[in-house]
C-alpha atoms as a PDB file:
ATOM      1  CA  MET A   1       0.008  -0.443   0.043  1.00  0.00           C
ATOM      2  CA  LYS A   2       1.441   3.883  -1.159  1.00  0.00           C
ATOM      3  CA  VAL A   3       0.956   6.276   0.978  1.00  0.00           C
ATOM      4  CA  SER A   4       0.585   9.725  -0.467  1.00  0.00           C
ATOM      5  CA  ARG A   5       2.446  12.931   1.664  1.00  0.00           C
ATOM      6  CA  ARG A   6       0.477  15.780   1.143  1.00  0.00           C
ATOM      7  CA  TYR A   7       4.320  17.899   1.933  1.00  0.00           C
ATOM      8  CA  SER A   8       6.957  17.128   0.201  1.00  0.00           C
ATOM      9  CA  ASP A   9      10.267  16.100   1.850  1.00  0.00           C
ATOM     10  CA  LYS A  10      12.457  18.990   1.566  1.00  0.00           C
ATOM     11  CA  ALA A  11      12.875  21.390   4.604  1.00  0.00           C
ATOM     12  CA  ARG A  12      11.769  24.582   3.894  1.00  0.00           C
ATOM     13  CA  ILE A  13      12.223  28.028   5.886  1.00  0.00           C
ATOM     14  CA  GLU A  14       8.481  30.169   6.420  1.00  0.00           C
ATOM     15  CA  MET A  15       9.166  33.559   5.433  1.00  0.00           C
ATOM     16  CA  ILE A  16       6.452  35.710   7.211  1.00  0.00           C
ATOM     17  CA  PRO A  17       7.919  35.094  10.850  1.00  0.00           C
ATOM     18  CA  LEU A  18      11.742  35.429   9.249  1.00  0.00           C
ATOM     19  CA  ILE A  19       9.984  38.995   8.469  1.00  0.00           C
ATOM     20  CA  ASP A  20       8.668  39.477  11.110  1.00  0.00           C
ATOM     21  CA  VAL A  21      11.720  38.710  13.315  1.00  0.00           C
ATOM     22  CA  VAL A  22      13.848  41.259  11.222  1.00  0.00           C
ATOM     23  CA  PHE A  23      11.257  44.631  11.276  1.00  0.00           C
ATOM     24  CA  LEU A  24      11.695  43.622  14.900  1.00  0.00           C
ATOM     25  CA  LEU A  25      14.615  44.359  14.764  1.00  0.00           C
ATOM     26  CA  LEU A  26      15.191  46.618  12.504  1.00  0.00           C
ATOM     27  CA  VAL A  27      12.775  49.685  15.081  1.00  0.00           C
ATOM     28  CA  ALA A  28      14.797  48.263  18.284  1.00  0.00           C
ATOM     29  CA  PHE A  29      18.081  49.117  16.226  1.00  0.00           C
ATOM     30  CA  ILE A  30      15.922  52.336  15.136  1.00  0.00           C
ATOM     31  CA  PHE A  31      14.840  52.862  18.764  1.00  0.00           C
ATOM     32  CA  MET A  32      18.055  52.492  20.408  1.00  0.00           C
ATOM     33  CA  MET A  33      20.163  54.769  17.744  1.00  0.00           C
ATOM     34  CA  MET A  34      17.905  57.679  18.390  1.00  0.00           C
ATOM     35  CA  SER A  35      18.382  57.502  22.310  1.00  0.00           C
ATOM     36  CA  MET A  36      22.037  58.077  21.469  1.00  0.00           C
ATOM     37  CA  VAL A  37      22.383  61.902  22.065  1.00  0.00           C
ATOM     38  CA  VAL A  38      25.641  63.336  21.201  1.00  0.00           C
ATOM     39  CA  HIS A  39      26.778  65.085  24.392  1.00  0.00           C
ATOM     40  CA  ARG A  40      30.342  66.555  24.054  1.00  0.00           C
ATOM     41  CA  GLY A  41      30.115  69.527  27.065  1.00  0.00           C
ATOM     42  CA  ILE A  42      30.541  69.048  30.604  1.00  0.00           C
ATOM     43  CA  PRO A  43      28.158  67.977  32.633  1.00  0.00           C
ATOM     44  CA  VAL A  44      26.471  71.161  34.202  1.00  0.00           C
ATOM     45  CA  ASP A  45      23.109  71.656  35.961  1.00  0.00           C
ATOM     46  CA  LEU A  46      21.007  72.942  33.352  1.00  0.00           C
ATOM     47  CA  PRO A  47      17.630  75.091  33.965  1.00  0.00           C
ATOM     48  CA  GLN A  48      14.690  73.881  32.505  1.00  0.00           C
ATOM     49  CA  SER A  49      12.637  75.134  29.378  1.00  0.00           C
ATOM     50  CA  SER A  50       9.380  73.940  27.734  1.00  0.00           C
ATOM     51  CA  THR A  51      10.296  75.096  24.449  1.00  0.00           C
ATOM     52  CA  SER A  52      13.715  74.718  23.940  1.00  0.00           C
ATOM     53  CA  ARG A  53      15.138  72.410  21.297  1.00  0.00           C
ATOM     54  CA  VAL A  54      18.431  72.382  19.722  1.00  0.00           C
ATOM     55  CA  ASP A  55      19.787  70.916  16.439  1.00  0.00           C
ATOM     56  CA  LYS A  56      23.040  68.599  17.879  1.00  0.00           C
ATOM     57  CA  LYS A  57      24.904  68.409  14.912  1.00  0.00           C
ATOM     58  CA  ASP A  58      28.130  70.318  13.663  1.00  0.00           C
ATOM     59  CA  PHE A  59      28.397  72.567  16.960  1.00  0.00           C
ATOM     60  CA  ILE A  60      30.452  73.304  19.193  1.00  0.00           C
ATOM     61  CA  SER A  61      29.576  72.899  23.232  1.00  0.00           C
ATOM     62  CA  ILE A  62      30.818  76.055  25.776  1.00  0.00           C
ATOM     63  CA  GLY A  63      30.034  74.892  28.782  1.00  0.00           C
ATOM     64  CA  ILE A  64      29.897  77.114  32.201  1.00  0.00           C
ATOM     65  CA  LYS A  65      29.739  76.304  35.300  1.00  0.00           C
ATOM     66  CA  ALA A  66      28.525  77.675  38.655  1.00  0.00           C
ATOM     67  CA  ASP A  67      32.026  78.526  39.952  1.00  0.00           C
ATOM     68  CA  GLY A  68      32.291  80.701  36.145  1.00  0.00           C
ATOM     69  CA  LYS A  69      34.949  78.306  34.875  1.00  0.00           C
ATOM     70  CA  ILE A  70      34.760  77.876  30.955  1.00  0.00           C
ATOM     71  CA  PHE A  71      35.398  75.155  28.653  1.00  0.00           C
ATOM     72  CA  LEU A  72      35.341  74.969  25.170  1.00  0.00           C
ATOM     73  CA  ASP A  73      34.721  70.950  24.127  1.00  0.00           C
ATOM     74  CA  LYS A  74      35.249  69.749  27.419  1.00  0.00           C
ATOM     75  CA  GLU A  75      38.753  71.865  27.707  1.00  0.00           C
ATOM     76  CA  GLU A  76      39.558  74.319  30.215  1.00  0.00           C
ATOM     77  CA  VAL A  77      39.974  77.723  28.625  1.00  0.00           C
ATOM     78  CA  ALA A  78      40.160  81.771  30.320  1.00  0.00           C
ATOM     79  CA  LEU A  79      37.733  83.973  28.282  1.00  0.00           C
ATOM     80  CA  SER A  80      40.605  85.923  27.343  1.00  0.00           C
ATOM     81  CA  LYS A  81      41.673  82.657  24.590  1.00  0.00           C
ATOM     82  CA  LEU A  82      38.290  81.742  23.924  1.00  0.00           C
ATOM     83  CA  PHE A  83      38.069  84.279  21.306  1.00  0.00           C
ATOM     84  CA  SER A  84      41.474  83.354  19.337  1.00  0.00           C
ATOM     85  CA  ARG A  85      40.136  79.572  20.042  1.00  0.00           C
ATOM     86  CA  LEU A  86      36.492  80.282  18.523  1.00  0.00           C
ATOM     87  CA  THR A  87      38.294  82.324  15.416  1.00  0.00           C
ATOM     88  CA  SER A  88      39.733  79.579  14.206  1.00  0.00           C
ATOM     89  CA  HIS A  89      37.256  77.153  14.546  1.00  0.00           C
ATOM     90  CA  HIS A  90      35.324  79.639  12.479  1.00  0.00           C
ATOM     91  CA  ASP A  91      37.794  80.085   9.525  1.00  0.00           C
ATOM     92  CA  LYS A  92      37.921  76.599   9.160  1.00  0.00           C
ATOM     93  CA  PHE A  93      33.671  75.933   9.229  1.00  0.00           C
ATOM     94  CA  PRO A  94      32.119  78.842   8.685  1.00  0.00           C
ATOM     95  CA  LYS A  95      28.860  78.040   9.309  1.00  0.00           C
ATOM     96  CA  ILE A  96      29.705  76.430  12.891  1.00  0.00           C
ATOM     97  CA  LYS A  97      27.573  76.506  15.448  1.00  0.00           C
ATOM     98  CA  VAL A  98      27.725  77.364  19.204  1.00  0.00           C
ATOM     99  CA  VAL A  99      25.752  75.856  22.067  1.00  0.00           C
ATOM    100  CA  ILE A 100      26.142  77.302  25.408  1.00  0.00           C
ATOM    101  CA  MET A 101      25.331  75.208  28.424  1.00  0.00           C
ATOM    102  CA  GLY A 102      25.633  77.327  31.098  1.00  0.00           C
ATOM    103  CA  ASP A 103      25.441  75.854  34.994  1.00  0.00           C
ATOM    104  CA  LYS A 104      21.662  77.433  36.479  1.00  0.00           C
ATOM    105  CA  MET A 105      24.144  78.808  39.339  1.00  0.00           C
ATOM    106  CA  ALA A 106      26.180  80.099  37.116  1.00  0.00           C
ATOM    107  CA  SER A 107      26.837  83.942  37.163  1.00  0.00           C
ATOM    108  CA  TYR A 108      24.602  85.324  34.394  1.00  0.00           C
ATOM    109  CA  GLU A 109      27.485  88.231  33.625  1.00  0.00           C
ATOM    110  CA  ARG A 110      29.559  85.020  33.145  1.00  0.00           C
ATOM    111  CA  VAL A 111      27.006  83.953  30.755  1.00  0.00           C
ATOM    112  CA  ILE A 112      26.166  87.093  28.090  1.00  0.00           C
ATOM    113  CA  SER A 113      30.395  88.046  29.028  1.00  0.00           C
ATOM    114  CA  VAL A 114      30.402  84.485  26.732  1.00  0.00           C
ATOM    115  CA  MET A 115      27.753  85.306  24.448  1.00  0.00           C
ATOM    116  CA  ASP A 116      29.629  88.760  23.730  1.00  0.00           C
ATOM    117  CA  VAL A 117      32.622  86.809  23.054  1.00  0.00           C
ATOM    118  CA  VAL A 118      31.216  83.685  20.616  1.00  0.00           C
ATOM    119  CA  ARG A 119      29.553  86.994  18.617  1.00  0.00           C
ATOM    120  CA  LYS A 120      32.851  89.055  18.326  1.00  0.00           C
ATOM    121  CA  SER A 121      34.706  85.787  16.664  1.00  0.00           C
ATOM    122  CA  GLY A 122      32.394  85.930  14.047  1.00  0.00           C
ATOM    123  CA  ILE A 123      29.698  82.934  14.519  1.00  0.00           C
ATOM    124  CA  VAL A 124      25.764  83.593  14.233  1.00  0.00           C
ATOM    125  CA  ASN A 125      24.327  80.379  15.240  1.00  0.00           C
ATOM    126  CA  LEU A 126      24.371  80.336  18.824  1.00  0.00           C
ATOM    127  CA  SER A 127      22.072  78.379  21.064  1.00  0.00           C
ATOM    128  CA  LEU A 128      21.470  77.687  24.694  1.00  0.00           C
ATOM    129  CA  GLU A 129      20.710  74.751  26.104  1.00  0.00           C
ATOM    130  CA  THR A 130      18.410  73.647  28.713  1.00  0.00           C
ATOM    131  CA  LYS A 131      16.804  70.398  30.193  1.00  0.00           C
ATOM    132  CA  TRP A 132      13.341  69.824  28.533  1.00  0.00           C
ATOM    133  CA  GLU A 133      11.289  70.574  31.374  1.00  0.00           C
ATOM    134  CA  GLU A 134       8.256  67.537  31.738  1.00  0.00           C
END
């Protein structure tokens, strides 16, 4: 007696579950990449704002600590040397942006002094970073 088989003896790979797994991995990868934030500054306690959004591509980070120390991309720099450093950056990259991250306990005068130096160096794209208010 001969038994007829409905399915072939060859192994098959089911495509639907494979596609589901690939899309799940793709979505997980996208969410992980979106959560990675480029932060080149020093850690400071930022003030909060409900309207702050800064484009974080191609920028120079200037941090101002509560004690008044100034950091240019994590490197401490004196206010007198900041102008020459910013001017050299501006000469190399004319459309460079500057993000100032001032500690909320930093002197208002110190933040304004840094902003003046940034503008005098020829950089016009200037932003102040704050924490997103939840």
